[in-house]
Amino acid sequence: MTQGSVVTETIAGEVVIIVNGDERRLPAGSTVADLLASLKLDPRTVVVERNRTILRDRSSLAMLELATDDSFEIVHFVGGG
């Protein structure tokens, strides 16, 4: 637990993370790809930032396991004219 910021921890087989400022709970062992699937997001249409680092290799998302203290920012691509 941390003081003055958002709490992230593993509880009873779950990992608690922060996504765009909101707490989310997923089963322990879940990956970044699992997170995107749970949010019904296509990895090809979003930018994922994990702990202030942009995840550029989309092929690695299925191998990157979620961990305590993870904080994500997920942004959709927006087209314009």
N, C-alpha and C. Protein backbone atom coordinates (compact mmCIF):
# COMPACT_ATOMS: atom_id res chain seq x y z
N MET A 1 0.83 -1.17 0.00
CA MET A 1 0.00 0.00 0.00
C MET A 1 0.88 1.25 0.00
N THR A 2 0.37 2.28 -0.58
CA THR A 2 1.11 3.53 -0.60
C THR A 2 0.26 4.60 0.03
N GLN A 3 0.93 5.58 0.62
CA GLN A 3 0.21 6.67 1.26
C GLN A 3 0.11 7.84 0.31
N GLY A 4 -1.06 8.45 0.25
CA GLY A 4 -1.23 9.64 -0.56
C GLY A 4 -1.40 9.37 -2.04
N SER A 5 -1.44 8.11 -2.45
CA SER A 5 -1.68 7.78 -3.84
C SER A 5 -2.59 6.57 -3.90
N VAL A 6 -2.82 6.09 -5.09
CA VAL A 6 -3.73 4.98 -5.28
C VAL A 6 -3.08 3.68 -4.81
N VAL A 7 -3.86 2.84 -4.17
CA VAL A 7 -3.35 1.57 -3.65
C VAL A 7 -3.45 0.50 -4.72
N THR A 8 -2.37 -0.24 -4.93
CA THR A 8 -2.40 -1.39 -5.82
C THR A 8 -1.83 -2.58 -5.06
N GLU A 9 -2.49 -3.70 -5.16
CA GLU A 9 -2.05 -4.88 -4.43
C GLU A 9 -2.70 -6.12 -5.03
N THR A 10 -2.17 -7.28 -4.66
CA THR A 10 -2.78 -8.53 -5.06
C THR A 10 -3.62 -9.02 -3.90
N ILE A 11 -4.88 -9.32 -4.16
CA ILE A 11 -5.80 -9.77 -3.13
C ILE A 11 -6.48 -11.05 -3.61
N ALA A 12 -6.32 -12.14 -2.86
CA ALA A 12 -7.05 -13.39 -3.12
C ALA A 12 -7.08 -13.76 -4.60
N GLY A 13 -5.91 -13.87 -5.21
CA GLY A 13 -5.85 -14.29 -6.60
C GLY A 13 -6.16 -13.21 -7.61
N GLU A 14 -6.25 -11.97 -7.16
CA GLU A 14 -6.49 -10.86 -8.07
C GLU A 14 -5.32 -9.90 -8.03
N VAL A 15 -5.13 -9.20 -9.13
CA VAL A 15 -4.19 -8.10 -9.14
C VAL A 15 -5.03 -6.83 -9.28
N VAL A 16 -4.69 -5.84 -8.47
CA VAL A 16 -5.41 -4.57 -8.48
C VAL A 16 -4.49 -3.55 -9.13
N ILE A 17 -4.96 -2.97 -10.23
CA ILE A 17 -4.16 -2.01 -10.98
C ILE A 17 -4.98 -0.74 -11.18
N ILE A 18 -4.34 0.27 -11.73
CA ILE A 18 -5.00 1.52 -12.06
C ILE A 18 -4.98 1.69 -13.58
N VAL A 19 -6.17 1.97 -14.14
CA VAL A 19 -6.30 2.19 -15.58
C VAL A 19 -6.99 3.53 -15.78
N ASN A 20 -6.27 4.46 -16.38
CA ASN A 20 -6.79 5.82 -16.61
C ASN A 20 -7.41 6.40 -15.35
N GLY A 21 -6.72 6.17 -14.22
CA GLY A 21 -7.14 6.75 -12.96
C GLY A 21 -8.14 5.94 -12.17
N ASP A 22 -8.65 4.85 -12.72
CA ASP A 22 -9.65 4.03 -12.04
C ASP A 22 -9.07 2.68 -11.64
N GLU A 23 -9.46 2.21 -10.47
CA GLU A 23 -9.01 0.90 -10.01
C GLU A 23 -9.71 -0.19 -10.80
N ARG A 24 -8.94 -1.21 -11.18
CA ARG A 24 -9.47 -2.40 -11.87
C ARG A 24 -8.90 -3.62 -11.19
N ARG A 25 -9.68 -4.68 -11.16
CA ARG A 25 -9.24 -5.96 -10.60
C ARG A 25 -9.31 -7.01 -11.70
N LEU A 26 -8.22 -7.73 -11.87
CA LEU A 26 -8.17 -8.83 -12.82
C LEU A 26 -7.56 -10.03 -12.14
N PRO A 27 -7.80 -11.22 -12.66
CA PRO A 27 -7.20 -12.41 -12.05
C PRO A 27 -5.68 -12.32 -12.09
N ALA A 28 -5.03 -12.78 -11.02
CA ALA A 28 -3.57 -12.84 -11.00
C ALA A 28 -3.11 -13.64 -12.20
N GLY A 29 -2.03 -13.24 -12.80
CA GLY A 29 -1.51 -13.91 -13.99
C GLY A 29 -2.03 -13.32 -15.29
N SER A 30 -2.94 -12.35 -15.21
CA SER A 30 -3.46 -11.70 -16.41
C SER A 30 -2.35 -10.90 -17.09
N THR A 31 -2.49 -10.75 -18.38
CA THR A 31 -1.51 -10.00 -19.17
C THR A 31 -2.11 -8.68 -19.63
N VAL A 32 -1.27 -7.86 -20.25
CA VAL A 32 -1.75 -6.59 -20.80
C VAL A 32 -2.81 -6.88 -21.87
N ALA A 33 -2.61 -7.93 -22.67
CA ALA A 33 -3.61 -8.30 -23.68
C ALA A 33 -4.93 -8.67 -23.01
N ASP A 34 -4.88 -9.37 -21.88
CA ASP A 34 -6.10 -9.71 -21.14
C ASP A 34 -6.79 -8.44 -20.65
N LEU A 35 -6.02 -7.49 -20.18
CA LEU A 35 -6.58 -6.22 -19.74
C LEU A 35 -7.33 -5.54 -20.88
N LEU A 36 -6.70 -5.45 -22.04
CA LEU A 36 -7.35 -4.81 -23.19
C LEU A 36 -8.61 -5.56 -23.58
N ALA A 37 -8.57 -6.89 -23.56
CA ALA A 37 -9.75 -7.69 -23.89
C ALA A 37 -10.88 -7.43 -22.90
N SER A 38 -10.54 -7.31 -21.61
CA SER A 38 -11.56 -7.07 -20.59
C SER A 38 -12.22 -5.70 -20.78
N LEU A 39 -11.50 -4.79 -21.40
CA LEU A 39 -12.02 -3.44 -21.68
C LEU A 39 -12.66 -3.35 -23.07
N LYS A 40 -12.65 -4.50 -23.78
CA LYS A 40 -13.18 -4.57 -25.15
C LYS A 40 -12.47 -3.59 -26.08
N LEU A 41 -11.13 -3.54 -25.94
CA LEU A 41 -10.31 -2.66 -26.76
C LEU A 41 -9.44 -3.46 -27.71
N ASP A 42 -9.34 -3.01 -28.94
CA ASP A 42 -8.48 -3.62 -29.94
C ASP A 42 -7.09 -3.02 -29.78
N PRO A 43 -6.07 -3.85 -29.52
CA PRO A 43 -4.72 -3.31 -29.33
C PRO A 43 -4.19 -2.52 -30.52
N ARG A 44 -4.77 -2.72 -31.69
CA ARG A 44 -4.32 -1.98 -32.87
C ARG A 44 -4.83 -0.55 -32.89
N THR A 45 -5.82 -0.24 -32.03
CA THR A 45 -6.42 1.09 -32.08
C THR A 45 -6.17 1.93 -30.84
N VAL A 46 -5.26 1.47 -29.98
CA VAL A 46 -4.96 2.21 -28.75
C VAL A 46 -3.45 2.31 -28.55
N VAL A 47 -3.06 3.28 -27.75
CA VAL A 47 -1.69 3.40 -27.26
C VAL A 47 -1.76 3.04 -25.79
N VAL A 48 -0.87 2.14 -25.36
CA VAL A 48 -0.86 1.71 -23.97
C VAL A 48 0.43 2.20 -23.31
N GLU A 49 0.25 2.90 -22.20
CA GLU A 49 1.38 3.36 -21.41
C GLU A 49 1.32 2.61 -20.07
N ARG A 50 2.40 1.92 -19.74
CA ARG A 50 2.47 1.18 -18.48
C ARG A 50 3.56 1.81 -17.63
N ASN A 51 3.17 2.30 -16.47
CA ASN A 51 4.13 2.92 -15.56
C ASN A 51 4.98 3.98 -16.26
N ARG A 52 4.29 4.82 -17.03
CA ARG A 52 4.91 5.95 -17.74
C ARG A 52 5.83 5.56 -18.90
N THR A 53 5.72 4.31 -19.35
CA THR A 53 6.49 3.85 -20.51
C THR A 53 5.52 3.34 -21.57
N ILE A 54 5.61 3.88 -22.78
CA ILE A 54 4.74 3.44 -23.87
C ILE A 54 5.15 2.05 -24.30
N LEU A 55 4.17 1.16 -24.42
CA LEU A 55 4.42 -0.21 -24.88
C LEU A 55 4.30 -0.21 -26.40
N ARG A 56 5.43 -0.17 -27.07
CA ARG A 56 5.45 -0.02 -28.53
C ARG A 56 5.31 -1.36 -29.25
N ASP A 57 5.75 -2.46 -28.63
CA ASP A 57 5.72 -3.77 -29.27
C ASP A 57 4.40 -4.46 -28.96
N ARG A 58 3.42 -4.29 -29.84
CA ARG A 58 2.11 -4.87 -29.60
C ARG A 58 2.15 -6.39 -29.53
N SER A 59 3.10 -7.02 -30.19
CA SER A 59 3.19 -8.48 -30.16
C SER A 59 3.58 -9.00 -28.78
N SER A 60 4.10 -8.15 -27.91
CA SER A 60 4.51 -8.58 -26.57
C SER A 60 3.40 -8.46 -25.53
N LEU A 61 2.27 -7.86 -25.89
CA LEU A 61 1.22 -7.60 -24.92
C LEU A 61 0.68 -8.87 -24.27
N ALA A 62 0.66 -9.96 -25.02
CA ALA A 62 0.16 -11.23 -24.49
C ALA A 62 1.16 -11.89 -23.54
N MET A 63 2.38 -11.38 -23.50
CA MET A 63 3.40 -11.97 -22.62
C MET A 63 3.69 -11.10 -21.41
N LEU A 64 3.22 -9.86 -21.41
CA LEU A 64 3.50 -8.94 -20.30
C LEU A 64 2.46 -9.11 -19.21
N GLU A 65 2.85 -9.75 -18.12
CA GLU A 65 1.94 -10.01 -17.02
C GLU A 65 1.72 -8.75 -16.18
N LEU A 66 0.48 -8.55 -15.77
CA LEU A 66 0.16 -7.43 -14.89
C LEU A 66 0.78 -7.67 -13.52
N ALA A 67 1.20 -6.59 -12.88
CA ALA A 67 1.85 -6.70 -11.57
C ALA A 67 1.29 -5.64 -10.63
N THR A 68 1.48 -5.89 -9.35
CA THR A 68 1.10 -4.88 -8.37
C THR A 68 1.86 -3.60 -8.68
N ASP A 69 1.28 -2.49 -8.35
CA ASP A 69 1.85 -1.17 -8.59
C ASP A 69 1.85 -0.76 -10.05
N ASP A 70 1.20 -1.53 -10.93
CA ASP A 70 1.08 -1.12 -12.33
C ASP A 70 0.04 -0.02 -12.46
N SER A 71 0.37 0.97 -13.27
CA SER A 71 -0.55 2.04 -13.59
C SER A 71 -0.55 2.19 -15.11
N PHE A 72 -1.74 2.20 -15.69
CA PHE A 72 -1.88 2.25 -17.14
C PHE A 72 -2.63 3.49 -17.56
N GLU A 73 -2.21 4.04 -18.67
CA GLU A 73 -2.96 5.06 -19.39
C GLU A 73 -3.19 4.47 -20.77
N ILE A 74 -4.44 4.44 -21.19
CA ILE A 74 -4.80 3.87 -22.49
C ILE A 74 -5.52 4.96 -23.27
N VAL A 75 -5.02 5.23 -24.47
CA VAL A 75 -5.55 6.31 -25.28
C VAL A 75 -5.93 5.75 -26.64
N HIS A 76 -7.13 6.12 -27.12
CA HIS A 76 -7.60 5.71 -28.46
C HIS A 76 -7.01 6.62 -29.51
N PHE A 77 -6.72 6.03 -30.68
CA PHE A 77 -6.36 6.84 -31.84
C PHE A 77 -7.60 7.59 -32.30
N VAL A 78 -7.42 8.84 -32.70
CA VAL A 78 -8.53 9.64 -33.19
C VAL A 78 -8.15 10.19 -34.55
N GLY A 79 -8.99 9.94 -35.54
CA GLY A 79 -8.75 10.46 -36.87
C GLY A 79 -9.31 11.86 -37.02
N GLY A 80 -8.72 12.61 -37.88
CA GLY A 80 -9.21 13.97 -38.08
C GLY A 80 -9.10 14.38 -39.52
N GLY A 81 -9.58 15.52 -39.81
CA GLY A 81 -9.57 15.95 -41.20
C GLY A 81 -8.98 17.30 -41.39
